[in-house]
Amino acid sequence: MPSVSESPTKHIAAPERSLLQRMDALQRANDVRTRRAKLKRDLKAGRQPIHELLLEPPEYLETAKVFDLLLAVPKYGRVKVNKILSQCRISPSKTIGGLSQRQRAELVALMRR
């Protein structure tokens, strides 16, 4: 019986994408980045309240990091954002879409202070 180290390893690759599929994915990614950048500018300028985004995030914001979004809010720097996230027991690498209802509620309550 061959040992585990001697057994052949099978690598299953993802199917190849056509040029059209790759260009479509690139276009969608660019669109998401553009919309997020505009949203961050609106947050920074005070035109968009953070509470609404946390409670009802748009689809393009689901995969954004909570940490990055909170940094765009005026008067919130790295130290304050880390403190808020630790109080709410939220990892800095957590995405907006990955937040539980409890985490959303605690985060909104802290941000409204």
PDB file of N, CA and C in Angstrom:
ATOM      1  N   MET A   1       0.857  -1.181   0.000  1.00  0.00           N
ATOM      2  CA  MET A   1       0.000   0.000   0.000  1.00  0.00           C
ATOM      3  C   MET A   1       0.897   1.237   0.000  1.00  0.00           C
ATOM      4  N   PRO A   2       0.710   2.169  -0.957  1.00  0.00           N
ATOM      5  CA  PRO A   2       1.558   3.360  -1.005  1.00  0.00           C
ATOM      6  C   PRO A   2       1.219   4.313   0.134  1.00  0.00           C
ATOM      7  N   SER A   3       2.248   5.005   0.604  1.00  0.00           N
ATOM      8  CA  SER A   3       2.024   5.977   1.675  1.00  0.00           C
ATOM      9  C   SER A   3       1.320   7.212   1.105  1.00  0.00           C
ATOM     10  N   VAL A   4       0.864   8.042   2.008  1.00  0.00           N
ATOM     11  CA  VAL A   4       0.135   9.234   1.604  1.00  0.00           C
ATOM     12  C   VAL A   4       1.015  10.140   0.752  1.00  0.00           C
ATOM     13  N   SER A   5       2.289  10.232   1.076  1.00  0.00           N
ATOM     14  CA  SER A   5       3.185  11.115   0.335  1.00  0.00           C
ATOM     15  C   SER A   5       3.463  10.608  -1.070  1.00  0.00           C
ATOM     16  N   GLU A   6       3.270   9.296  -1.315  1.00  0.00           N
ATOM     17  CA  GLU A   6       3.545   8.734  -2.638  1.00  0.00           C
ATOM     18  C   GLU A   6       2.329   8.776  -3.555  1.00  0.00           C
ATOM     19  N   SER A   7       1.144   8.979  -3.015  1.00  0.00           N
ATOM     20  CA  SER A   7      -0.056   8.953  -3.841  1.00  0.00           C
ATOM     21  C   SER A   7      -0.110  10.195  -4.728  1.00  0.00           C
ATOM     22  N   PRO A   8      -0.547  10.015  -5.973  1.00  0.00           N
ATOM     23  CA  PRO A   8      -0.617  11.166  -6.883  1.00  0.00           C
ATOM     24  C   PRO A   8      -1.674  12.164  -6.419  1.00  0.00           C
ATOM     25  N   THR A   9      -1.360  13.422  -6.561  1.00  0.00           N
ATOM     26  CA  THR A   9      -2.276  14.477  -6.165  1.00  0.00           C
ATOM     27  C   THR A   9      -3.039  14.953  -7.386  1.00  0.00           C
ATOM     28  N   LYS A  10      -4.348  15.041  -7.259  1.00  0.00           N
ATOM     29  CA  LYS A  10      -5.168  15.520  -8.363  1.00  0.00           C
ATOM     30  C   LYS A  10      -5.483  16.986  -8.133  1.00  0.00           C
ATOM     31  N   HIS A  11      -5.216  17.798  -9.120  1.00  0.00           N
ATOM     32  CA  HIS A  11      -5.547  19.219  -9.069  1.00  0.00           C
ATOM     33  C   HIS A  11      -6.661  19.467 -10.066  1.00  0.00           C
ATOM     34  N   ILE A  12      -7.767  19.894  -9.538  1.00  0.00           N
ATOM     35  CA  ILE A  12      -8.901  20.198 -10.411  1.00  0.00           C
ATOM     36  C   ILE A  12      -8.967  21.711 -10.552  1.00  0.00           C
ATOM     37  N   ALA A  13      -8.743  22.176 -11.757  1.00  0.00           N
ATOM     38  CA  ALA A  13      -8.739  23.615 -12.018  1.00  0.00           C
ATOM     39  C   ALA A  13     -10.147  24.096 -12.353  1.00  0.00           C
ATOM     40  N   ALA A  14     -10.374  25.337 -12.092  1.00  0.00           N
ATOM     41  CA  ALA A  14     -11.639  25.949 -12.475  1.00  0.00           C
ATOM     42  C   ALA A  14     -11.720  25.984 -13.995  1.00  0.00           C
ATOM     43  N   PRO A  15     -12.911  25.900 -14.523  1.00  0.00           N
ATOM     44  CA  PRO A  15     -13.023  25.929 -15.989  1.00  0.00           C
ATOM     45  C   PRO A  15     -12.527  27.264 -16.545  1.00  0.00           C
ATOM     46  N   GLU A  16     -11.950  27.197 -17.710  1.00  0.00           N
ATOM     47  CA  GLU A  16     -11.454  28.405 -18.357  1.00  0.00           C
ATOM     48  C   GLU A  16     -12.611  29.331 -18.697  1.00  0.00           C
ATOM     49  N   ARG A  17     -12.374  30.609 -18.566  1.00  0.00           N
ATOM     50  CA  ARG A  17     -13.394  31.593 -18.933  1.00  0.00           C
ATOM     51  C   ARG A  17     -13.050  32.182 -20.290  1.00  0.00           C
ATOM     52  N   SER A  18     -14.083  32.484 -21.014  1.00  0.00           N
ATOM     53  CA  SER A  18     -13.861  33.100 -22.320  1.00  0.00           C
ATOM     54  C   SER A  18     -13.487  34.566 -22.110  1.00  0.00           C
ATOM     55  N   LEU A  19     -12.972  35.174 -23.134  1.00  0.00           N
ATOM     56  CA  LEU A  19     -12.599  36.580 -23.067  1.00  0.00           C
ATOM     57  C   LEU A  19     -13.817  37.433 -22.725  1.00  0.00           C
ATOM     58  N   LEU A  20     -14.945  37.106 -23.291  1.00  0.00           N
ATOM     59  CA  LEU A  20     -16.180  37.853 -23.023  1.00  0.00           C
ATOM     60  C   LEU A  20     -16.578  37.743 -21.540  1.00  0.00           C
ATOM     61  N   GLN A  21     -16.466  36.543 -20.970  1.00  0.00           N
ATOM     62  CA  GLN A  21     -16.793  36.357 -19.558  1.00  0.00           C
ATOM     63  C   GLN A  21     -15.837  37.138 -18.666  1.00  0.00           C
ATOM     64  N   ARG A  22     -14.559  37.117 -18.999  1.00  0.00           N
ATOM     65  CA  ARG A  22     -13.568  37.858 -18.203  1.00  0.00           C
ATOM     66  C   ARG A  22     -13.808  39.356 -18.289  1.00  0.00           C
ATOM     67  N   MET A  23     -14.128  39.840 -19.460  1.00  0.00           N
ATOM     68  CA  MET A  23     -14.367  41.282 -19.629  1.00  0.00           C
ATOM     69  C   MET A  23     -15.640  41.697 -18.890  1.00  0.00           C
ATOM     70  N   ASP A  24     -16.644  40.825 -18.886  1.00  0.00           N
ATOM     71  CA  ASP A  24     -17.882  41.114 -18.159  1.00  0.00           C
ATOM     72  C   ASP A  24     -17.612  41.178 -16.651  1.00  0.00           C
ATOM     73  N   ALA A  25     -16.832  40.245 -16.137  1.00  0.00           N
ATOM     74  CA  ALA A  25     -16.481  40.237 -14.714  1.00  0.00           C
ATOM     75  C   ALA A  25     -15.674  41.481 -14.353  1.00  0.00           C
ATOM     76  N   LEU A  26     -14.761  41.862 -15.218  1.00  0.00           N
ATOM     77  CA  LEU A  26     -13.956  43.059 -14.985  1.00  0.00           C
ATOM     78  C   LEU A  26     -14.832  44.306 -14.962  1.00  0.00           C
ATOM     79  N   GLN A  27     -15.801  44.377 -15.863  1.00  0.00           N
ATOM     80  CA  GLN A  27     -16.715  45.517 -15.904  1.00  0.00           C
ATOM     81  C   GLN A  27     -17.541  45.606 -14.627  1.00  0.00           C
ATOM     82  N   ARG A  28     -18.042  44.446 -14.161  1.00  0.00           N
ATOM     83  CA  ARG A  28     -18.820  44.433 -12.912  1.00  0.00           C
ATOM     84  C   ARG A  28     -17.961  44.862 -11.730  1.00  0.00           C
ATOM     85  N   ALA A  29     -16.726  44.390 -11.657  1.00  0.00           N
ATOM     86  CA  ALA A  29     -15.825  44.759 -10.560  1.00  0.00           C
ATOM     87  C   ALA A  29     -15.520  46.253 -10.591  1.00  0.00           C
ATOM     88  N   ASN A  30     -15.297  46.808 -11.765  1.00  0.00           N
ATOM     89  CA  ASN A  30     -15.041  48.246 -11.884  1.00  0.00           C
ATOM     90  C   ASN A  30     -16.260  49.061 -11.468  1.00  0.00           C
ATOM     91  N   ASP A  31     -17.441  48.573 -11.824  1.00  0.00           N
ATOM     92  CA  ASP A  31     -18.674  49.257 -11.445  1.00  0.00           C
ATOM     93  C   ASP A  31     -18.831  49.281  -9.921  1.00  0.00           C
ATOM     94  N   VAL A  32     -18.561  48.147  -9.277  1.00  0.00           N
ATOM     95  CA  VAL A  32     -18.660  48.067  -7.812  1.00  0.00           C
ATOM     96  C   VAL A  32     -17.668  49.027  -7.166  1.00  0.00           C
ATOM     97  N   ARG A  33     -16.428  49.049  -7.655  1.00  0.00           N
ATOM     98  CA  ARG A  33     -15.409  49.947  -7.095  1.00  0.00           C
ATOM     99  C   ARG A  33     -15.799  51.407  -7.253  1.00  0.00           C
ATOM    100  N   THR A  34     -16.342  51.754  -8.398  1.00  0.00           N
ATOM    101  CA  THR A  34     -16.760  53.140  -8.656  1.00  0.00           C
ATOM    102  C   THR A  34     -17.896  53.543  -7.721  1.00  0.00           C
ATOM    103  N   ARG A  35     -18.888  52.664  -7.574  1.00  0.00           N
ATOM    104  CA  ARG A  35     -20.022  52.977  -6.707  1.00  0.00           C
ATOM    105  C   ARG A  35     -19.592  53.083  -5.244  1.00  0.00           C
ATOM    106  N   ARG A  36     -18.678  52.198  -4.811  1.00  0.00           N
ATOM    107  CA  ARG A  36     -18.178  52.272  -3.430  1.00  0.00           C
ATOM    108  C   ARG A  36     -17.396  53.560  -3.195  1.00  0.00           C
ATOM    109  N   ALA A  37     -16.590  53.957  -4.170  1.00  0.00           N
ATOM    110  CA  ALA A  37     -15.820  55.196  -4.017  1.00  0.00           C
ATOM    111  C   ALA A  37     -16.754  56.393  -3.891  1.00  0.00           C
ATOM    112  N   LYS A  38     -17.810  56.426  -4.701  1.00  0.00           N
ATOM    113  CA  LYS A  38     -18.784  57.523  -4.604  1.00  0.00           C
ATOM    114  C   LYS A  38     -19.476  57.514  -3.249  1.00  0.00           C
ATOM    115  N   LEU A  39     -19.834  56.330  -2.777  1.00  0.00           N
ATOM    116  CA  LEU A  39     -20.485  56.205  -1.479  1.00  0.00           C
ATOM    117  C   LEU A  39     -19.570  56.698  -0.355  1.00  0.00           C
ATOM    118  N   LYS A  40     -18.300  56.357  -0.415  1.00  0.00           N
ATOM    119  CA  LYS A  40     -17.351  56.816   0.609  1.00  0.00           C
ATOM    120  C   LYS A  40     -17.204  58.336   0.577  1.00  0.00           C
ATOM    121  N   ARG A  41     -17.217  58.919  -0.611  1.00  0.00           N
ATOM    122  CA  ARG A  41     -17.159  60.391  -0.713  1.00  0.00           C
ATOM    123  C   ARG A  41     -18.412  61.011  -0.093  1.00  0.00           C
ATOM    124  N   ASP A  42     -19.578  60.389  -0.351  1.00  0.00           N
ATOM    125  CA  ASP A  42     -20.831  60.887   0.231  1.00  0.00           C
ATOM    126  C   ASP A  42     -20.828  60.761   1.751  1.00  0.00           C
ATOM    127  N   LEU A  43     -20.279  59.664   2.272  1.00  0.00           N
ATOM    128  CA  LEU A  43     -20.160  59.504   3.720  1.00  0.00           C
ATOM    129  C   LEU A  43     -19.262  60.580   4.310  1.00  0.00           C
ATOM    130  N   LYS A  44     -18.129  60.790   3.669  1.00  0.00           N
ATOM    131  CA  LYS A  44     -17.158  61.766   4.154  1.00  0.00           C
ATOM    132  C   LYS A  44     -17.756  63.173   4.164  1.00  0.00           C
ATOM    133  N   ALA A  45     -18.576  63.485   3.159  1.00  0.00           N
ATOM    134  CA  ALA A  45     -19.190  64.807   3.051  1.00  0.00           C
ATOM    135  C   ALA A  45     -20.452  64.938   3.907  1.00  0.00           C
ATOM    136  N   GLY A  46     -20.923  63.845   4.501  1.00  0.00           N
ATOM    137  CA  GLY A  46     -22.115  63.904   5.333  1.00  0.00           C
ATOM    138  C   GLY A  46     -23.412  63.837   4.557  1.00  0.00           C
ATOM    139  N   ARG A  47     -23.360  63.494   3.269  1.00  0.00           N
ATOM    140  CA  ARG A  47     -24.576  63.408   2.453  1.00  0.00           C
ATOM    141  C   ARG A  47     -25.305  62.079   2.624  1.00  0.00           C
ATOM    142  N   GLN A  48     -24.624  61.085   3.179  1.00  0.00           N
ATOM    143  CA  GLN A  48     -25.210  59.747   3.345  1.00  0.00           C
ATOM    144  C   GLN A  48     -25.013  59.298   4.793  1.00  0.00           C
ATOM    145  N   PRO A  49     -26.097  58.997   5.512  1.00  0.00           N
ATOM    146  CA  PRO A  49     -25.941  58.513   6.893  1.00  0.00           C
ATOM    147  C   PRO A  49     -25.485  57.047   6.910  1.00  0.00           C
ATOM    148  N   ILE A  50     -24.571  56.741   7.804  1.00  0.00           N
ATOM    149  CA  ILE A  50     -24.023  55.387   7.909  1.00  0.00           C
ATOM    150  C   ILE A  50     -25.077  54.396   8.408  1.00  0.00           C
ATOM    151  N   HIS A  51     -26.036  54.877   9.208  1.00  0.00           N
ATOM    152  CA  HIS A  51     -27.041  53.985   9.801  1.00  0.00           C
ATOM    153  C   HIS A  51     -27.846  53.256   8.740  1.00  0.00           C
ATOM    154  N   GLU A  52     -28.267  53.988   7.716  1.00  0.00           N
ATOM    155  CA  GLU A  52     -29.074  53.381   6.648  1.00  0.00           C
ATOM    156  C   GLU A  52     -28.286  52.298   5.924  1.00  0.00           C
ATOM    157  N   LEU A  53     -27.014  52.561   5.690  1.00  0.00           N
ATOM    158  CA  LEU A  53     -26.180  51.604   4.964  1.00  0.00           C
ATOM    159  C   LEU A  53     -25.960  50.328   5.769  1.00  0.00           C
ATOM    160  N   LEU A  54     -25.833  50.470   7.069  1.00  0.00           N
ATOM    161  CA  LEU A  54     -25.615  49.296   7.908  1.00  0.00           C
ATOM    162  C   LEU A  54     -26.882  48.453   8.033  1.00  0.00           C
ATOM    163  N   LEU A  55     -28.033  49.118   8.115  1.00  0.00           N
ATOM    164  CA  LEU A  55     -29.287  48.386   8.277  1.00  0.00           C
ATOM    165  C   LEU A  55     -29.793  47.789   6.973  1.00  0.00           C
ATOM    166  N   GLU A  56     -29.679  48.531   5.884  1.00  0.00           N
ATOM    167  CA  GLU A  56     -30.147  48.074   4.569  1.00  0.00           C
ATOM    168  C   GLU A  56     -29.061  48.329   3.527  1.00  0.00           C
ATOM    169  N   PRO A  57     -28.009  47.518   3.503  1.00  0.00           N
ATOM    170  CA  PRO A  57     -26.918  47.778   2.559  1.00  0.00           C
ATOM    171  C   PRO A  57     -27.307  47.449   1.119  1.00  0.00           C
ATOM    172  N   PRO A  58     -26.888  48.299   0.176  1.00  0.00           N
ATOM    173  CA  PRO A  58     -27.111  47.957  -1.232  1.00  0.00           C
ATOM    174  C   PRO A  58     -26.271  46.733  -1.603  1.00  0.00           C
ATOM    175  N   GLU A  59     -26.642  46.080  -2.673  1.00  0.00           N
ATOM    176  CA  GLU A  59     -25.977  44.840  -3.080  1.00  0.00           C
ATOM    177  C   GLU A  59     -24.476  45.014  -3.299  1.00  0.00           C
ATOM    178  N   TYR A  60     -24.057  46.133  -3.889  1.00  0.00           N
ATOM    179  CA  TYR A  60     -22.640  46.339  -4.180  1.00  0.00           C
ATOM    180  C   TYR A  60     -21.804  46.555  -2.926  1.00  0.00           C
ATOM    181  N   LEU A  61     -22.460  46.734  -1.789  1.00  0.00           N
ATOM    182  CA  LEU A  61     -21.753  46.974  -0.533  1.00  0.00           C
ATOM    183  C   LEU A  61     -21.638  45.706   0.311  1.00  0.00           C
ATOM    184  N   GLU A  62     -22.313  44.646  -0.075  1.00  0.00           N
ATOM    185  CA  GLU A  62     -22.335  43.413   0.712  1.00  0.00           C
ATOM    186  C   GLU A  62     -20.943  42.840   0.977  1.00  0.00           C
ATOM    187  N   THR A  63     -20.033  42.937   0.022  1.00  0.00           N
ATOM    188  CA  THR A  63     -18.703  42.342   0.181  1.00  0.00           C
ATOM    189  C   THR A  63     -17.657  43.341   0.664  1.00  0.00           C
ATOM    190  N   ALA A  64     -18.066  44.561   0.990  1.00  0.00           N
ATOM    191  CA  ALA A  64     -17.130  45.568   1.503  1.00  0.00           C
ATOM    192  C   ALA A  64     -16.839  45.297   2.977  1.00  0.00           C
ATOM    193  N   LYS A  65     -15.647  45.639   3.412  1.00  0.00           N
ATOM    194  CA  LYS A  65     -15.269  45.460   4.813  1.00  0.00           C
ATOM    195  C   LYS A  65     -15.922  46.542   5.670  1.00  0.00           C
ATOM    196  N   VAL A  66     -16.434  46.138   6.832  1.00  0.00           N
ATOM    197  CA  VAL A  66     -17.060  47.075   7.765  1.00  0.00           C
ATOM    198  C   VAL A  66     -16.032  48.126   8.186  1.00  0.00           C
ATOM    199  N   PHE A  67     -14.811  47.692   8.453  1.00  0.00           N
ATOM    200  CA  PHE A  67     -13.739  48.584   8.886  1.00  0.00           C
ATOM    201  C   PHE A  67     -13.525  49.719   7.879  1.00  0.00           C
ATOM    202  N   ASP A  68     -13.434  49.360   6.595  1.00  0.00           N
ATOM    203  CA  ASP A  68     -13.196  50.365   5.552  1.00  0.00           C
ATOM    204  C   ASP A  68     -14.352  51.352   5.443  1.00  0.00           C
ATOM    205  N   LEU A  69     -15.561  50.861   5.579  1.00  0.00           N
ATOM    206  CA  LEU A  69     -16.729  51.733   5.487  1.00  0.00           C
ATOM    207  C   LEU A  69     -16.772  52.719   6.655  1.00  0.00           C
ATOM    208  N   LEU A  70     -16.486  52.236   7.866  1.00  0.00           N
ATOM    209  CA  LEU A  70     -16.510  53.117   9.036  1.00  0.00           C
ATOM    210  C   LEU A  70     -15.403  54.164   8.978  1.00  0.00           C
ATOM    211  N   LEU A  71     -14.292  53.825   8.355  1.00  0.00           N
ATOM    212  CA  LEU A  71     -13.200  54.796   8.216  1.00  0.00           C
ATOM    213  C   LEU A  71     -13.607  55.987   7.361  1.00  0.00           C
ATOM    214  N   ALA A  72     -14.588  55.810   6.500  1.00  0.00           N
ATOM    215  CA  ALA A  72     -15.019  56.893   5.616  1.00  0.00           C
ATOM    216  C   ALA A  72     -15.922  57.890   6.336  1.00  0.00           C
ATOM    217  N   VAL A  73     -16.388  57.542   7.532  1.00  0.00           N
ATOM    218  CA  VAL A  73     -17.259  58.432   8.294  1.00  0.00           C
ATOM    219  C   VAL A  73     -16.406  59.529   8.931  1.00  0.00           C
ATOM    220  N   PRO A  74     -16.860  60.793   8.835  1.00  0.00           N
ATOM    221  CA  PRO A  74     -16.088  61.886   9.437  1.00  0.00           C
ATOM    222  C   PRO A  74     -15.872  61.675  10.940  1.00  0.00           C
ATOM    223  N   LYS A  75     -14.706  62.055  11.415  1.00  0.00           N
ATOM    224  CA  LYS A  75     -14.304  61.978  12.827  1.00  0.00           C
ATOM    225  C   LYS A  75     -14.078  60.557  13.325  1.00  0.00           C
ATOM    226  N   TYR A  76     -13.986  59.593  12.421  1.00  0.00           N
ATOM    227  CA  TYR A  76     -13.702  58.215  12.807  1.00  0.00           C
ATOM    228  C   TYR A  76     -12.394  57.785  12.162  1.00  0.00           C
ATOM    229  N   GLY A  77     -11.392  57.556  13.000  1.00  0.00           N
ATOM    230  CA  GLY A  77     -10.108  57.074  12.529  1.00  0.00           C
ATOM    231  C   GLY A  77      -9.927  55.613  12.903  1.00  0.00           C
ATOM    232  N   ARG A  78      -8.724  55.110  12.662  1.00  0.00           N
ATOM    233  CA  ARG A  78      -8.435  53.693  12.914  1.00  0.00           C
ATOM    234  C   ARG A  78      -8.659  53.293  14.371  1.00  0.00           C
ATOM    235  N   VAL A  79      -8.220  54.125  15.300  1.00  0.00           N
ATOM    236  CA  VAL A  79      -8.336  53.789  16.720  1.00  0.00           C
ATOM    237  C   VAL A  79      -9.797  53.717  17.141  1.00  0.00           C
ATOM    238  N   LYS A  80     -10.580  54.726  16.780  1.00  0.00           N
ATOM    239  CA  LYS A  80     -11.989  54.752  17.174  1.00  0.00           C
ATOM    240  C   LYS A  80     -12.766  53.612  16.504  1.00  0.00           C
ATOM    241  N   VAL A  81     -12.477  53.346  15.238  1.00  0.00           N
ATOM    242  CA  VAL A  81     -13.172  52.269  14.523  1.00  0.00           C
ATOM    243  C   VAL A  81     -12.831  50.918  15.150  1.00  0.00           C
ATOM    244  N   ASN A  82     -11.559  50.690  15.477  1.00  0.00           N
ATOM    245  CA  ASN A  82     -11.177  49.430  16.123  1.00  0.00           C
ATOM    246  C   ASN A  82     -11.851  49.271  17.479  1.00  0.00           C
ATOM    247  N   LYS A  83     -11.968  50.355  18.229  1.00  0.00           N
ATOM    248  CA  LYS A  83     -12.618  50.317  19.535  1.00  0.00           C
ATOM    249  C   LYS A  83     -14.097  49.948  19.386  1.00  0.00           C
ATOM    250  N   ILE A  84     -14.769  50.567  18.433  1.00  0.00           N
ATOM    251  CA  ILE A  84     -16.191  50.278  18.193  1.00  0.00           C
ATOM    252  C   ILE A  84     -16.388  48.831  17.759  1.00  0.00           C
ATOM    253  N   LEU A  85     -15.551  48.368  16.846  1.00  0.00           N
ATOM    254  CA  LEU A  85     -15.685  46.992  16.367  1.00  0.00           C
ATOM    255  C   LEU A  85     -15.445  45.993  17.498  1.00  0.00           C
ATOM    256  N   SER A  86     -14.476  46.265  18.361  1.00  0.00           N
ATOM    257  CA  SER A  86     -14.219  45.330  19.464  1.00  0.00           C
ATOM    258  C   SER A  86     -15.368  45.356  20.471  1.00  0.00           C
ATOM    259  N   GLN A  87     -15.985  46.513  20.709  1.00  0.00           N
ATOM    260  CA  GLN A  87     -17.142  46.587  21.604  1.00  0.00           C
ATOM    261  C   GLN A  87     -18.314  45.770  21.070  1.00  0.00           C
ATOM    262  N   CYS A  88     -18.462  45.760  19.761  1.00  0.00           N
ATOM    263  CA  CYS A  88     -19.559  45.020  19.125  1.00  0.00           C
ATOM    264  C   CYS A  88     -19.181  43.564  18.817  1.00  0.00           C
ATOM    265  N   ARG A  89     -17.967  43.191  19.171  1.00  0.00           N
ATOM    266  CA  ARG A  89     -17.438  41.844  18.884  1.00  0.00           C
ATOM    267  C   ARG A  89     -17.506  41.527  17.395  1.00  0.00           C
ATOM    268  N   ILE A  90     -16.972  42.452  16.596  1.00  0.00           N
ATOM    269  CA  ILE A  90     -16.935  42.298  15.143  1.00  0.00           C
ATOM    270  C   ILE A  90     -15.479  42.304  14.706  1.00  0.00           C
ATOM    271  N   SER A  91     -15.100  41.334  13.910  1.00  0.00           N
ATOM    272  CA  SER A  91     -13.746  41.269  13.381  1.00  0.00           C
ATOM    273  C   SER A  91     -13.541  42.396  12.373  1.00  0.00           C
ATOM    274  N   PRO A  92     -12.342  43.018  12.351  1.00  0.00           N
ATOM    275  CA  PRO A  92     -12.079  44.077  11.363  1.00  0.00           C
ATOM    276  C   PRO A  92     -12.167  43.582   9.919  1.00  0.00           C
ATOM    277  N   SER A  93     -12.036  42.285   9.717  1.00  0.00           N
ATOM    278  CA  SER A  93     -12.096  41.756   8.353  1.00  0.00           C
ATOM    279  C   SER A  93     -13.520  41.350   7.948  1.00  0.00           C
ATOM    280  N   LYS A  94     -14.495  41.559   8.818  1.00  0.00           N
ATOM    281  CA  LYS A  94     -15.889  41.179   8.545  1.00  0.00           C
ATOM    282  C   LYS A  94     -16.470  42.050   7.433  1.00  0.00           C
ATOM    283  N   THR A  95     -17.269  41.439   6.573  1.00  0.00           N
ATOM    284  CA  THR A  95     -17.921  42.196   5.503  1.00  0.00           C
ATOM    285  C   THR A  95     -19.289  42.684   5.966  1.00  0.00           C
ATOM    286  N   ILE A  96     -19.808  43.680   5.273  1.00  0.00           N
ATOM    287  CA  ILE A  96     -21.125  44.229   5.597  1.00  0.00           C
ATOM    288  C   ILE A  96     -22.191  43.139   5.488  1.00  0.00           C
ATOM    289  N   GLY A  97     -22.120  42.343   4.453  1.00  0.00           N
ATOM    290  CA  GLY A  97     -23.101  41.276   4.253  1.00  0.00           C
ATOM    291  C   GLY A  97     -22.990  40.163   5.276  1.00  0.00           C
ATOM    292  N   GLY A  98     -21.850  40.032   5.926  1.00  0.00           N
ATOM    293  CA  GLY A  98     -21.630  38.965   6.896  1.00  0.00           C
ATOM    294  C   GLY A  98     -22.019  39.325   8.314  1.00  0.00           C
ATOM    295  N   LEU A  99     -22.520  40.523   8.533  1.00  0.00           N
ATOM    296  CA  LEU A  99     -22.916  40.948   9.868  1.00  0.00           C
ATOM    297  C   LEU A  99     -24.229  40.277  10.287  1.00  0.00           C
ATOM    298  N   SER A 100     -24.295  39.873  11.541  1.00  0.00           N
ATOM    299  CA  SER A 100     -25.551  39.327  12.071  1.00  0.00           C
ATOM    300  C   SER A 100     -26.457  40.502  12.447  1.00  0.00           C
ATOM    301  N   GLN A 101     -27.714  40.199  12.727  1.00  0.00           N
ATOM    302  CA  GLN A 101     -28.653  41.252  13.125  1.00  0.00           C
ATOM    303  C   GLN A 101     -28.202  41.902  14.434  1.00  0.00           C
ATOM    304  N   ARG A 102     -27.690  41.090  15.371  1.00  0.00           N
ATOM    305  CA  ARG A 102     -27.198  41.632  16.634  1.00  0.00           C
ATOM    306  C   ARG A 102     -26.045  42.596  16.391  1.00  0.00           C
ATOM    307  N   GLN A 103     -25.110  42.200  15.548  1.00  0.00           N
ATOM    308  CA  GLN A 103     -23.965  43.055  15.257  1.00  0.00           C
ATOM    309  C   GLN A 103     -24.405  44.346  14.583  1.00  0.00           C
ATOM    310  N   ARG A 104     -25.330  44.248  13.649  1.00  0.00           N
ATOM    311  CA  ARG A 104     -25.841  45.453  12.979  1.00  0.00           C
ATOM    312  C   ARG A 104     -26.476  46.405  13.980  1.00  0.00           C
ATOM    313  N   ALA A 105     -27.335  45.856  14.857  1.00  0.00           N
ATOM    314  CA  ALA A 105     -28.040  46.684  15.832  1.00  0.00           C
ATOM    315  C   ALA A 105     -27.059  47.363  16.791  1.00  0.00           C
ATOM    316  N   GLU A 106     -26.075  46.617  17.304  1.00  0.00           N
ATOM    317  CA  GLU A 106     -25.089  47.203  18.221  1.00  0.00           C
ATOM    318  C   GLU A 106     -24.260  48.260  17.527  1.00  0.00           C
ATOM    319  N   LEU A 107     -23.874  47.991  16.293  1.00  0.00           N
ATOM    320  CA  LEU A 107     -23.053  48.940  15.538  1.00  0.00           C
ATOM    321  C   LEU A 107     -23.818  50.228  15.267  1.00  0.00           C
ATOM    322  N   VAL A 108     -25.071  50.120  14.881  1.00  0.00           N
ATOM    323  CA  VAL A 108     -25.894  51.305  14.617  1.00  0.00           C
ATOM    324  C   VAL A 108     -26.077  52.099  15.905  1.00  0.00           C
ATOM    325  N   ALA A 109     -26.324  51.405  17.011  1.00  0.00           N
ATOM    326  CA  ALA A 109     -26.508  52.089  18.293  1.00  0.00           C
ATOM    327  C   ALA A 109     -25.248  52.861  18.684  1.00  0.00           C
ATOM    328  N   LEU A 110     -24.077  52.292  18.482  1.00  0.00           N
ATOM    329  CA  LEU A 110     -22.822  52.986  18.805  1.00  0.00           C
ATOM    330  C   LEU A 110     -22.537  54.143  17.851  1.00  0.00           C
ATOM    331  N   MET A 111     -22.899  53.980  16.599  1.00  0.00           N
ATOM    332  CA  MET A 111     -22.628  55.025  15.613  1.00  0.00           C
ATOM    333  C   MET A 111     -23.569  56.205  15.786  1.00  0.00           C
ATOM    334  N   ARG A 112     -24.722  56.013  16.398  1.00  0.00           N
ATOM    335  CA  ARG A 112     -25.691  57.104  16.591  1.00  0.00           C
ATOM    336  C   ARG A 112     -25.346  57.979  17.781  1.00  0.00           C
ATOM    337  N   ARG A 113     -24.412  57.547  18.614  1.00  0.00           N
ATOM    338  CA  ARG A 113     -24.022  58.344  19.791  1.00  0.00           C
ATOM    339  C   ARG A 113     -23.365  59.638  19.391  1.00  0.00           C
TER     340      ARG A 113
END
